[in-house]
Protein backbone atom coordinates (compact mmCIF):
# COMPACT_ATOMS: atom_id res chain seq x y z
CA MET A 1 2.87 21.68 12.07
CA LYS A 2 4.44 18.10 13.72
CA LYS A 3 2.01 17.37 16.55
CA HIS A 4 2.37 14.49 17.91
CA LEU A 5 5.06 12.52 19.03
CA TYR A 6 5.77 8.63 18.94
CA ILE A 7 8.68 8.12 21.05
CA PHE A 8 7.09 6.11 23.56
CA VAL A 9 5.32 3.57 20.69
CA ALA A 10 7.48 1.05 20.33
CA VAL A 11 7.68 0.70 24.11
CA ALA A 12 4.23 0.72 24.10
CA ALA A 13 3.79 -2.40 22.24
CA MET A 14 6.24 -4.19 23.63
CA LEU A 15 4.85 -3.96 27.00
CA LEU A 16 1.50 -4.73 25.83
CA GLN A 17 2.77 -7.82 24.14
CA SER A 18 4.69 -8.93 27.35
CA CYS A 19 2.13 -8.30 29.77
CA ALA A 20 -0.98 -8.56 27.87
CA ALA A 21 -1.68 -11.18 30.16
CA GLY A 22 -1.15 -9.50 33.70
CA TRP A 23 -3.41 -6.34 32.40
CA LEU A 24 -6.01 -8.93 31.84
CA GLU A 25 -5.69 -10.76 35.14
CA GLN A 26 -6.64 -7.66 36.66
CA TYR A 27 -10.70 -7.35 36.03
CA PRO A 28 -12.69 -9.75 37.49
CA GLU A 29 -14.20 -13.18 35.18
CA GLY A 30 -17.26 -12.65 33.95
CA GLY A 31 -19.93 -10.10 34.10
CA SER A 32 -19.73 -6.82 33.52
CA ILE A 33 -16.34 -4.44 34.75
CA THR A 34 -16.17 -1.13 35.82
CA GLU A 35 -15.69 2.19 34.14
CA LYS A 36 -12.14 2.36 35.25
CA GLN A 37 -11.61 -1.24 33.85
CA PHE A 38 -12.86 -0.31 30.47
CA LYS A 39 -10.96 3.18 30.27
CA ASP A 40 -7.46 1.24 31.35
CA MET A 41 -8.98 -1.32 28.33
CA GLU A 42 -8.89 1.94 26.20
CA ASN A 43 -5.64 3.02 26.95
CA ALA A 44 -4.07 -0.51 26.79
CA LEU A 45 -5.69 -0.91 22.97
CA GLU A 46 -4.39 2.53 21.93
CA GLY A 47 -0.72 1.76 23.03
CA SER A 48 -1.26 -1.29 20.92
CA VAL A 49 -2.52 0.64 17.91
CA LEU A 50 0.09 3.19 18.21
CA GLY A 51 2.79 0.13 18.12
CA ILE A 52 1.60 -1.23 15.07
CA TYR A 53 1.12 1.92 13.00
CA SER A 54 4.61 2.35 14.49
CA SER A 55 5.79 -0.81 12.93
CA MET A 56 4.86 0.50 9.22
CA TYR A 57 8.54 2.67 9.49
CA GLN A 58 10.69 0.58 11.60
CA TYR A 59 13.89 -0.06 9.68
CA GLY A 60 16.48 -2.55 10.03
CA ALA A 61 19.08 -1.68 6.78
CA HIS A 62 18.83 1.36 4.87
CA ASP A 63 17.13 -0.32 2.14
CA VAL A 64 14.49 -1.76 4.92
CA PHE A 65 12.29 0.79 6.55
CA GLY A 66 8.87 -0.77 6.45
CA GLN A 67 5.87 -0.14 4.28
CA ARG A 68 7.35 2.37 2.02
CA SER A 69 10.55 -0.14 1.17
CA ILE A 70 8.18 -2.81 0.07
CA ASP A 71 6.43 -0.37 -2.22
CA MET A 72 9.71 0.06 -3.41
CA TYR A 73 10.15 -3.61 -4.09
CA GLY A 74 7.14 -4.15 -6.26
CA ASP A 75 7.74 -1.18 -8.21
CA PHE A 76 11.81 -2.72 -9.37
CA THR A 77 10.07 -6.31 -9.26
CA CYS A 78 7.24 -4.94 -12.36
CA GLY A 79 9.91 -2.80 -14.03
CA ASP A 80 8.35 0.54 -13.44
CA MET A 81 11.22 1.71 -11.06
CA ALA A 82 14.56 1.72 -12.51
CA MET A 83 18.29 2.00 -11.45
CA SER A 84 21.26 2.31 -13.84
CA THR A 85 23.67 2.21 -11.10
CA ARG A 86 24.80 0.05 -8.37
CA ASN A 87 27.09 2.75 -6.82
CA TYR A 88 25.57 1.95 -3.11
CA GLY A 89 23.84 -0.75 -4.06
CA TRP A 90 20.42 -0.72 -2.23
CA PHE A 91 17.56 -1.97 -4.33
CA ALA A 92 20.16 -3.33 -7.08
CA ASP A 93 19.00 -6.46 -6.55
CA ASP A 94 15.33 -5.56 -6.60
CA ASP A 95 15.98 -3.87 -10.20
CA MET A 96 17.71 -7.47 -11.35
CA GLY A 97 14.67 -9.38 -10.85
CA GLN A 98 16.08 -10.81 -7.63
CA ALA A 99 13.03 -9.24 -5.42
CA TYR A 100 12.49 -13.14 -4.21
CA THR A 101 14.96 -11.88 -1.71
CA ARG A 102 12.78 -10.08 0.39
CA ARG A 103 10.20 -12.96 0.84
CA ALA A 104 11.31 -13.00 4.58
CA TYR A 105 11.01 -9.43 5.44
CA LEU A 106 8.15 -9.41 3.99
CA TRP A 107 6.34 -12.00 5.61
CA ALA A 108 7.53 -11.59 9.26
CA TYR A 109 6.58 -7.82 8.50
CA TYR A 110 3.31 -8.67 7.86
CA TYR A 111 2.64 -11.51 10.37
CA ASP A 112 4.04 -9.32 13.14
CA ILE A 113 1.42 -6.74 12.63
CA VAL A 114 -1.50 -10.08 12.28
CA HIS A 115 0.13 -10.91 15.99
CA GLN A 116 0.00 -7.57 17.46
CA CYS A 117 -3.62 -7.33 15.93
CA ASN A 118 -4.58 -10.79 17.57
CA MET A 119 -3.12 -9.69 21.06
CA SER A 120 -5.11 -6.74 21.07
CA LEU A 121 -8.13 -8.74 19.72
CA ASN A 122 -8.23 -11.42 22.89
CA ALA A 123 -7.74 -8.30 25.08
CA PHE A 124 -10.83 -6.97 23.91
CA ASP A 125 -12.85 -10.42 23.09
CA GLU A 126 -12.01 -11.52 26.92
CA LYS A 127 -13.81 -8.50 28.46
CA VAL A 128 -16.90 -7.80 25.76
CA ASP A 129 -19.80 -9.55 25.72
CA LYS A 130 -20.64 -11.41 22.35
CA ALA A 131 -23.89 -9.22 22.32
CA LYS A 132 -22.12 -6.15 23.61
CA LYS A 133 -20.27 -5.94 20.38
CA THR A 134 -23.49 -4.94 18.10
CA ASP A 135 -25.47 -2.77 20.80
CA SER A 136 -25.24 0.69 19.66
CA THR A 137 -26.11 2.41 22.54
CA PHE A 138 -23.13 0.16 25.02
CA ILE A 139 -20.81 1.30 21.72
CA MET A 140 -21.05 4.56 21.79
CA ASP A 141 -21.05 5.14 25.54
CA HIS A 142 -17.12 3.22 25.41
CA SER A 143 -16.75 4.77 21.67
CA ALA A 144 -13.07 5.26 22.62
CA LEU A 145 -12.71 1.74 22.65
CA PHE A 146 -14.46 0.77 19.69
CA TYR A 147 -12.94 2.73 17.34
CA TYR A 148 -9.44 1.32 18.55
CA TYR A 149 -11.29 -2.16 18.15
CA ALA A 150 -12.21 -0.78 14.53
CA GLU A 151 -8.81 0.14 14.03
CA ILE A 152 -7.17 -2.89 14.77
CA LEU A 153 -9.30 -5.03 13.01
CA GLY A 154 -8.89 -2.94 9.75
CA MET A 155 -5.44 -3.37 10.38
CA ARG A 156 -5.41 -6.99 10.18
CA GLY A 157 -7.43 -7.62 6.93
CA TRP A 158 -4.83 -4.36 5.51
CA ALA A 159 -2.49 -7.72 6.70
CA TYR A 160 -3.26 -10.38 5.29
CA ALA A 161 -4.50 -8.41 1.99
CA ASN A 162 -0.99 -7.67 1.31
CA LEU A 163 0.49 -11.31 2.12
CA GLN A 164 -2.33 -12.64 -0.57
CA LYS A 165 -1.07 -9.89 -2.84
CA TRP A 166 2.80 -11.20 -2.95
CA PHE A 167 2.35 -14.98 -1.61
CA CYS A 168 -0.71 -16.09 -3.75
CA TYR A 169 -1.61 -13.69 -6.45
CA THR A 170 -5.22 -14.32 -6.89
CA ARG A 171 -8.40 -16.15 -5.62
CA SER A 172 -8.72 -17.39 -9.38
CA TYR A 173 -6.17 -18.24 -11.55
CA ILE A 174 -3.12 -19.58 -9.97
CA ALA A 175 -0.16 -20.47 -12.18
CA GLY A 176 0.26 -24.46 -12.38
CA HIS A 177 -2.99 -25.06 -11.38
CA GLY A 178 -5.49 -23.56 -12.82
CA TYR A 179 -8.72 -21.92 -11.54
CA ASP A 180 -8.97 -23.34 -8.22
CA ASP A 181 -10.64 -21.19 -5.32
CA ASN A 182 -8.87 -24.50 -2.95
CA TYR A 183 -5.90 -23.81 -3.61
CA LEU A 184 -3.42 -23.41 -0.27
CA SER A 185 -2.39 -19.69 0.32
CA ILE A 186 -1.11 -18.92 3.33
CA PRO A 187 -1.42 -19.79 7.07
CA LEU A 188 -4.70 -17.82 8.89
CA TYR A 189 -4.15 -16.70 12.07
CA THR A 190 -6.97 -15.37 14.36
CA GLU A 191 -7.19 -14.41 18.21
CA GLU A 192 -8.69 -17.90 19.10
CA VAL A 193 -5.36 -19.34 17.57
CA THR A 194 -3.00 -17.41 18.81
CA VAL A 195 -4.57 -18.22 22.70
CA ALA A 196 -4.55 -21.69 21.60
CA ASP A 197 -1.74 -22.52 19.15
CA THR A 198 1.27 -24.42 21.02
CA THR A 199 2.54 -25.63 17.75
CA LEU A 200 4.26 -22.35 16.52
CA GLY A 201 2.53 -22.56 13.39
CA ASN A 202 -0.32 -22.61 11.73
CA PRO A 203 -1.84 -24.89 8.27
CA LEU A 204 -1.96 -23.13 4.91
CA SER A 205 -5.86 -21.84 4.42
CA SER A 206 -7.59 -21.91 0.65
CA VAL A 207 -7.24 -18.96 -1.70
CA LYS A 208 -11.33 -18.74 -0.76
CA ASP A 209 -10.68 -18.67 3.17
CA VAL A 210 -8.25 -16.14 3.21
CA TYR A 211 -10.28 -13.49 1.00
CA ALA A 212 -13.50 -14.41 3.10
CA ARG A 213 -10.84 -13.57 6.57
CA ILE A 214 -9.53 -10.52 4.80
CA GLU A 215 -12.91 -9.52 3.82
CA GLU A 216 -14.94 -10.02 7.36
CA ASP A 217 -12.07 -8.29 8.85
CA LEU A 218 -12.80 -5.03 7.01
CA THR A 219 -16.43 -5.21 6.56
CA THR A 220 -16.83 -5.27 10.32
CA ALA A 221 -14.36 -2.67 10.81
CA ILE A 222 -16.10 -0.50 8.39
CA TYR A 223 -19.08 -1.51 10.07
CA TYR A 224 -17.90 0.35 13.66
CA PHE A 225 -16.18 3.32 11.42
CA ASP A 226 -19.45 4.35 10.00
CA LEU A 227 -21.48 4.00 13.18
CA LEU A 228 -18.48 5.85 15.62
CA GLU A 229 -17.71 8.81 12.50
CA GLY A 230 -21.44 9.12 11.82
CA ASN A 231 -21.49 10.52 15.29
CA GLY A 232 -18.70 12.58 15.30
CA ILE A 233 -15.80 9.90 16.49
CA ARG A 234 -13.18 10.57 14.18
CA ARG A 235 -9.23 9.85 14.41
CA SER A 236 -6.64 12.01 15.15
CA LEU A 237 -4.02 11.41 12.85
CA LYS A 238 -3.70 10.45 9.10
CA GLN A 239 -1.43 7.83 10.49
CA GLU A 240 -3.92 6.00 11.57
CA MET A 241 -6.95 3.22 10.57
CA CYS A 242 -10.48 4.66 9.48
CA GLY A 243 -13.61 4.48 7.34
CA ASP A 244 -12.24 5.70 3.88
CA VAL A 245 -8.67 3.35 4.38
CA ALA A 246 -10.65 0.49 5.22
CA ARG A 247 -12.88 1.07 2.25
CA LEU A 248 -10.26 1.23 -0.13
CA THR A 249 -8.68 -1.87 1.27
CA LEU A 250 -11.10 -3.26 0.52
CA ALA A 251 -12.32 -1.99 -2.72
CA TYR A 252 -8.55 -2.87 -3.80
CA ASN A 253 -9.08 -6.39 -2.82
CA TYR A 254 -11.95 -6.88 -4.51
CA LEU A 255 -10.17 -5.86 -7.26
CA ASN A 256 -7.32 -8.21 -6.63
CA GLY A 257 -9.31 -10.99 -6.15
CA GLU A 258 -11.23 -10.42 -9.20
CA GLU A 259 -14.64 -9.61 -7.73
CA TYR A 260 -15.28 -6.47 -9.78
CA ASP A 261 -18.83 -5.99 -9.05
CA LYS A 262 -17.92 -5.30 -5.40
CA ALA A 263 -15.02 -3.46 -6.39
CA ALA A 264 -16.54 -1.28 -8.30
CA ALA A 265 -19.67 -0.51 -5.81
CA MET A 266 -16.93 -0.75 -2.83
CA ALA A 267 -14.96 2.31 -4.98
CA ASP A 268 -18.13 4.74 -5.54
CA GLU A 269 -18.96 3.86 -1.72
CA PHE A 270 -15.63 5.48 -0.90
CA ILE A 271 -15.91 8.32 -3.34
CA SER A 272 -19.68 9.17 -2.17
CA LYS A 273 -18.85 9.79 1.51
CA THR A 274 -15.03 10.96 1.68
CA THR A 275 -14.17 14.48 2.21
CA TYR A 276 -10.89 13.97 0.22
CA THR A 277 -10.47 15.19 -3.64
CA ILE A 278 -8.30 14.73 -6.44
CA LEU A 279 -4.88 16.20 -6.41
CA PRO A 280 -5.98 19.62 -8.48
CA ARG A 281 -3.66 20.18 -11.75
CA ALA A 282 -2.76 23.16 -9.77
CA GLU A 283 -0.83 21.42 -7.15
CA LEU A 284 0.54 18.21 -9.37
CA ASN A 285 4.18 19.40 -8.95
CA THR A 286 4.26 21.59 -5.56
CA THR A 287 3.73 19.66 -2.89
CA GLY A 288 6.78 17.08 -3.50
CA PHE A 289 4.25 14.75 -2.47
CA ALA A 290 5.83 14.79 0.81
CA GLU A 291 2.79 16.68 3.19
CA ILE A 292 0.40 14.93 4.73
CA ASN A 293 -1.73 17.79 5.11
CA SER A 294 -2.45 17.56 1.49
CA ASN A 295 -6.20 16.93 0.96
CA ASN A 296 -5.59 13.64 -1.35
CA TRP A 297 -3.98 12.09 1.01
CA VAL A 298 -6.20 9.22 3.12
CA TRP A 299 -3.21 7.36 4.68
CA GLY A 300 0.55 8.41 5.30
CA GLN A 301 2.90 9.13 8.36
CA ASP A 302 3.30 12.27 9.42
CA VAL A 303 7.35 12.17 9.74
CA ASN A 304 9.13 14.28 12.39
CA VAL A 305 12.16 14.56 14.35
CA GLN A 306 11.06 11.60 16.46
CA THR A 307 10.01 9.18 14.03
CA THR A 308 12.49 10.41 11.02
CA THR A 309 14.64 7.64 9.82
CA SER A 310 17.32 9.46 8.04
CA LEU A 311 18.96 8.24 4.57
CA ALA A 312 16.77 4.90 5.54
CA SER A 313 14.05 6.17 3.98
CA PHE A 314 12.05 6.86 0.62
CA PHE A 315 13.14 10.36 0.51
CA GLY A 316 16.35 8.83 1.45
CA GLN A 317 16.57 6.47 -1.34
CA CYS A 318 14.72 8.63 -3.85
CA ASP A 319 14.67 12.48 -3.44
CA ILE A 320 17.49 14.04 -5.92
CA TYR A 321 16.81 16.89 -3.79
CA SER A 322 17.57 15.70 -0.06
CA TYR A 323 20.81 14.20 1.15
CA SER A 324 19.97 11.27 -0.32
CA TYR A 325 21.49 8.05 -2.24
CA ALA A 326 19.56 9.15 -5.51
CA TRP A 327 21.30 12.78 -5.08
CA ALA A 328 24.93 11.14 -4.52
CA GLY A 329 24.14 8.71 -8.10
CA ASP A 330 21.80 5.84 -7.33
CA VAL A 331 18.83 7.41 -8.96
CA LYS A 332 15.68 5.35 -8.79
CA GLY A 333 13.75 6.77 -11.76
CA ILE A 334 10.93 5.67 -13.89
CA ASP A 335 11.27 3.14 -16.79
CA GLU A 336 12.49 4.69 -19.85
CA ASN A 337 10.09 2.88 -22.59
CA LEU A 338 7.11 4.00 -19.35
CA LEU A 339 8.43 7.52 -19.75
CA LYS A 340 8.62 7.77 -23.42
CA GLU A 341 5.40 6.08 -23.37
CA MET A 342 4.52 9.64 -21.66
CA THR A 343 5.74 11.81 -24.32
CA ASP A 344 5.37 10.47 -27.46
CA LYS A 345 1.82 9.17 -27.05
CA HIS A 346 0.46 10.99 -24.21
CA LYS A 347 1.88 14.54 -25.22
CA TRP A 348 -1.36 15.83 -23.22
CA ASP A 349 0.24 14.57 -20.06
CA ALA A 350 0.88 16.99 -17.18
CA ARG A 351 2.36 14.18 -14.85
CA THR A 352 5.72 14.46 -17.48
CA LEU A 353 6.84 16.96 -15.47
CA TRP A 354 7.32 14.26 -12.41
CA PHE A 355 9.82 13.08 -14.38
CA ASN A 356 13.37 14.61 -14.78
CA GLN A 357 13.97 14.22 -19.25
CA THR A 358 17.30 15.70 -19.40
CA TYR A 359 20.43 13.83 -18.71
CA THR A 360 22.22 16.65 -16.54
CA ILE A 361 21.04 19.27 -13.60
CA GLY A 362 23.29 22.09 -12.77
CA GLY A 363 25.75 20.69 -15.07
CA ILE A 364 26.21 17.07 -13.07
CA LYS A 365 25.46 14.05 -15.30
CA GLY A 366 22.88 11.08 -14.37
CA CYS A 367 20.03 12.95 -12.91
CA GLN A 368 17.69 11.41 -15.44
CA TYR A 369 14.62 9.77 -14.97
CA ALA A 370 14.63 11.04 -11.52
CA PRO A 371 11.18 11.56 -9.96
CA ASP A 372 12.34 15.70 -9.44
CA GLY A 373 8.77 16.79 -9.88
CA LYS A 374 7.00 14.34 -8.16
CA PHE A 375 8.61 12.99 -4.44
CA PHE A 376 11.28 16.00 -3.60
CA SER A 377 11.58 17.94 -0.41
CA PRO A 378 9.46 21.17 -0.33
CA GLY A 379 11.41 22.41 1.90
CA VAL A 380 14.64 23.08 -0.17
CA GLN A 381 12.29 24.43 -3.11
CA ARG A 382 10.33 27.05 -1.25
CA LYS A 383 13.41 28.35 0.02
CA VAL A 384 13.58 32.30 -1.42
CA GLY A 385 15.41 32.92 -5.13
CA TYR A 386 16.59 28.98 -4.51
CA THR A 387 16.63 27.03 -7.76
CA ARG A 388 16.76 22.97 -7.48
CA LYS A 389 20.34 21.59 -8.47
CA ALA A 390 21.16 18.04 -8.51
CA LYS A 391 24.31 17.80 -5.94
CA SER A 392 23.96 21.03 -4.62
CA THR A 393 25.42 21.69 -1.06
CA GLU A 394 22.41 22.85 0.00
CA LEU A 395 20.01 19.84 0.99
CA ASP A 396 17.37 18.70 2.59
CA ARG A 397 19.25 17.06 5.49
CA ASP A 398 16.29 16.90 8.15
CA TRP A 399 14.24 13.75 6.21
CA LEU A 400 11.14 15.25 7.51
CA CYS A 401 9.23 14.85 4.46
CA ASP A 402 5.77 12.61 4.80
CA HIS A 403 4.93 9.41 3.47
CA VAL A 404 2.27 8.80 1.41
CA PHE A 405 -0.10 5.03 1.64
CA MET A 406 -2.76 5.63 0.34
CA ARG A 407 -4.82 8.49 -2.09
CA THR A 408 -8.13 9.52 -3.01
CA GLU A 409 -7.34 8.82 -6.93
CA LEU A 410 -6.79 5.25 -5.80
CA ALA A 411 -10.32 4.76 -5.38
CA TYR A 412 -11.11 6.19 -8.85
CA LEU A 413 -8.35 4.26 -10.68
CA ILE A 414 -10.15 1.03 -8.78
CA ALA A 415 -13.67 2.43 -10.10
CA ALA A 416 -12.69 2.85 -13.30
CA GLU A 417 -10.54 -0.62 -13.98
CA ALA A 418 -13.67 -2.67 -12.36
CA TYR A 419 -16.16 -1.06 -14.74
CA TYR A 420 -13.89 -2.22 -17.77
CA ARG A 421 -13.75 -5.52 -16.33
CA LEU A 422 -17.52 -5.70 -16.01
CA ALA A 423 -17.82 -4.27 -19.75
CA ALA A 424 -15.81 -6.67 -20.72
CA TYR A 425 -18.11 -9.75 -19.33
CA GLY A 426 -21.25 -7.67 -21.14
CA ASP A 427 -22.13 -5.17 -18.55
CA ALA A 428 -23.58 -2.14 -21.29
CA SER A 429 -23.72 0.50 -18.79
CA ALA A 430 -20.30 0.04 -17.11
CA ALA A 431 -18.00 1.06 -20.09
CA SER A 432 -19.57 4.66 -19.74
CA LYS A 433 -18.92 4.10 -16.02
CA ALA A 434 -15.34 2.95 -16.62
CA VAL A 435 -14.67 6.44 -18.52
CA ALA A 436 -16.57 8.79 -16.19
CA ARG A 437 -13.82 7.30 -13.26
CA LEU A 438 -10.93 7.40 -15.38
CA THR A 439 -11.82 10.82 -16.84
CA ALA A 440 -11.80 12.10 -13.09
CA VAL A 441 -8.40 12.23 -12.53
CA THR A 442 -6.61 12.86 -16.15
CA ASP A 443 -8.91 16.21 -16.34
CA GLU A 444 -6.77 17.30 -13.33
CA ARG A 445 -3.48 16.10 -15.27
CA VAL A 446 -3.43 17.87 -18.49
CA LEU A 447 -1.16 20.78 -20.03
CA ALA A 448 -3.21 23.72 -20.80
CA GLU A 449 -1.09 24.24 -24.03
CA ASN A 450 -2.05 20.51 -25.37
CA ALA A 451 -5.89 20.67 -24.37
CA ALA A 452 -7.17 19.80 -27.48
CA GLU A 453 -4.69 16.45 -27.86
CA TYR A 454 -6.56 15.37 -24.60
CA ALA A 455 -9.96 15.67 -26.25
CA THR A 456 -9.20 13.28 -29.25
CA TRP A 457 -7.69 10.95 -26.42
CA LYS A 458 -10.81 10.98 -24.66
CA ALA A 459 -12.83 10.75 -27.65
CA SER A 460 -10.78 7.35 -27.92
CA LEU A 461 -11.85 5.96 -24.76
CA SER A 462 -14.60 5.05 -26.40
CA ASP A 463 -12.93 1.48 -28.06
CA GLU A 464 -12.44 -1.31 -25.20
CA ASN A 465 -9.04 -2.08 -26.50
CA THR A 466 -8.14 1.81 -25.73
CA LEU A 467 -9.90 1.85 -22.79
CA ARG A 468 -7.74 -1.38 -21.36
CA ALA A 469 -4.14 -0.10 -22.33
CA GLU A 470 -5.12 3.23 -20.90
CA ILE A 471 -6.51 2.73 -17.65
CA LYS A 472 -3.64 0.13 -17.35
CA TYR A 473 -1.21 3.55 -18.22
CA ASN A 474 -2.57 5.15 -15.74
CA TRP A 475 -2.10 2.83 -12.87
CA ARG A 476 1.38 2.72 -14.36
CA VAL A 477 2.12 6.67 -14.02
CA GLU A 478 -0.57 7.82 -11.61
CA PHE A 479 0.90 5.39 -8.59
CA TRP A 480 4.59 5.48 -9.45
CA GLY A 481 6.77 5.03 -6.61
CA GLU A 482 3.71 4.22 -4.38
CA GLY A 483 3.60 -0.20 -4.08
CA PHE A 484 0.96 -0.65 -7.31
CA GLY A 485 3.10 -1.23 -9.90
CA LEU A 486 3.41 -5.01 -9.44
CA GLN A 487 -0.25 -5.74 -8.83
CA THR A 488 -1.09 -4.01 -11.83
CA ALA A 489 1.13 -5.64 -14.19
CA ARG A 490 -0.21 -9.15 -12.47
CA ARG A 491 -3.64 -8.32 -13.12
CA PHE A 492 -3.39 -7.40 -16.76
CA ASP A 493 -0.81 -9.86 -17.82
CA GLU A 494 0.63 -8.42 -20.80
CA LYS A 495 4.42 -8.26 -22.54
CA VAL A 496 6.19 -5.55 -21.00
CA THR A 497 9.20 -4.45 -22.66
CA LEU A 498 11.82 -2.29 -20.19
CA GLY A 499 14.01 0.18 -20.62
CA ASN A 500 17.81 0.03 -21.11
CA ASN A 501 17.86 2.46 -17.73
CA HIS A 502 17.93 -1.04 -15.49
CA LEU A 503 20.80 -3.01 -14.01
CA ARG A 504 18.62 -6.22 -15.20
CA ALA A 505 19.60 -7.89 -18.61
CA GLU A 506 16.11 -9.44 -19.23
CA LYS A 507 13.90 -6.61 -20.34
CA ASP A 508 10.99 -8.96 -21.84
CA PHE A 509 8.37 -9.95 -19.59
CA GLU A 510 6.36 -11.93 -21.64
CA PRO A 511 2.32 -13.50 -20.04
CA SER A 512 2.35 -16.79 -22.01
CA ASN A 513 0.28 -18.75 -19.81
CA ASN A 514 0.33 -16.66 -16.58
CA LYS A 515 4.37 -17.44 -16.62
CA TRP A 516 5.19 -13.85 -15.60
CA ILE A 517 2.56 -14.02 -12.47
CA TYR A 518 3.73 -16.84 -11.26
CA LYS A 519 7.38 -15.76 -11.61
CA THR A 520 6.81 -12.65 -9.37
CA THR A 521 4.67 -14.10 -6.98
CA PHE A 522 7.02 -15.41 -4.31
CA GLU A 523 7.41 -18.89 -2.33
CA ILE A 524 6.84 -19.25 1.56
CA PRO A 525 10.10 -18.09 3.03
CA SER A 526 12.67 -21.00 3.95
CA SER A 527 12.33 -19.98 7.36
CA GLU A 528 8.87 -20.63 7.97
CA GLN A 529 9.04 -23.78 6.28
CA TYR A 530 11.29 -24.98 8.62
CA TYR A 531 9.79 -23.67 11.81
CA ASN A 532 6.23 -24.63 10.67
CA PRO A 533 5.50 -28.39 11.10
CA TRP A 534 2.10 -27.63 9.37
CA LEU A 535 4.32 -26.89 6.36
CA ASN A 536 5.98 -29.88 6.19
CA SER A 537 3.75 -32.17 3.50
CA ASP A 538 2.03 -28.80 2.00
CA VAL A 539 5.57 -26.95 1.19
CA THR A 540 6.99 -30.57 -0.41
CA THR A 541 3.60 -31.22 -2.41
CA LEU A 542 4.07 -27.19 -3.98
CA ALA A 543 7.47 -27.40 -4.48
CA THR A 544 6.74 -30.11 -6.64
CA ASP A 545 4.52 -28.63 -8.46
CA GLU A 546 6.53 -25.85 -9.13
């Protein structure tokens, strides 16, 4: 049931940004403020944080609709998601390997979230003494205020982690520069900078400093979440940041930053603390990955009639059983070769049920490779006596399927890869931990009739090279369509040959000298280079290096 309405959110966010100085000036300078003033500040921060969340699904075009459109860009860029036709053209450039055209949107999207966070953090710092921030009694007396504070810190850390992923892949190997922690990455803006800045920009910060900022924001957020959630103060919606989301964001950031010991520890901490569970085999292809109440969903958007963006949405692009572009012919499907790897080498894998393997459905051609068992409208499927058929006139025309941002399974794959990497560096005990974390997921992904083949597959994981390949395979399959494909390809940096169901002519990605990583790491948008006066000399240097 859709319990909450967000119709006021965007307005509240704009009011906060435009009137922040006004509501701050109501309070006396220095000293303590009244409980009413604290309550007023809680209300203002609530409006701010809801405005931040609303920007995650605001749309500007039918291929620009917030976080889930960005997830699609990444999966197209690495080739795990494919298009074989372009009747309407949405996402065609991405499938053709031209996702760099998205860089201005990505930059603006995440930096807008950073800016909104900084405005709110300024407001908080203005009125809450530094000493009070670690006073547990004071924190609990103003629990709502500090929960919003934790959410905003967590969201800023999340936004910077995403900017770092897209615009500067890793803290160690920088293509064309070798291993250099001081390599210039992206500009950092904090609450202090936001107040003092009069230059409309900031210089580039080092990779090291950006990772330090992400870590500090997220660990600080986790500190508050642990204190508050431990005392029964919890989020009311899964769309909100919380301790679980902050931990998984930090664990994934550690993995991408090659801090494998920290990645494993944080993923394990999540697993030990969370109440969310792995999606069981019985529900593998029944939910449509469209219901926020699924107990494996850690973070997502509860879509209702006020927040739906209709065709300009993930399901409006990908679900052949909704009134969508996929239903009309522009199928966004799994890469042909990846599907063959599933069906030929992993016959035990029940996730083959997620993708259409026939050329026709209901006599209609062209639906092959569509995610008709992973992403679909459960409302249509559950109609009594209704058999889902592509191009049927009985379609979901409400677009109320929920959007997933983060699932429990992510922690297990992070831990599996991190332990594998530690084993490769000589930790003798890590390999068995990697297998345990990986198979915790795959144990729930087995076709009953192929259990013997699964047992053989599990036994093969004792080989280091096999374990590496299977961790990579499970990243690509388990999280297909959820935005993790590009980073997976970058971290493993191996040759990939795409299937024939792509618009792009180039089918081979070569890993030589990390060329592939370099090719898919975005340059700073030209608009930022032009308007940010600090970047003139920096950008000239970068252009020369490229």
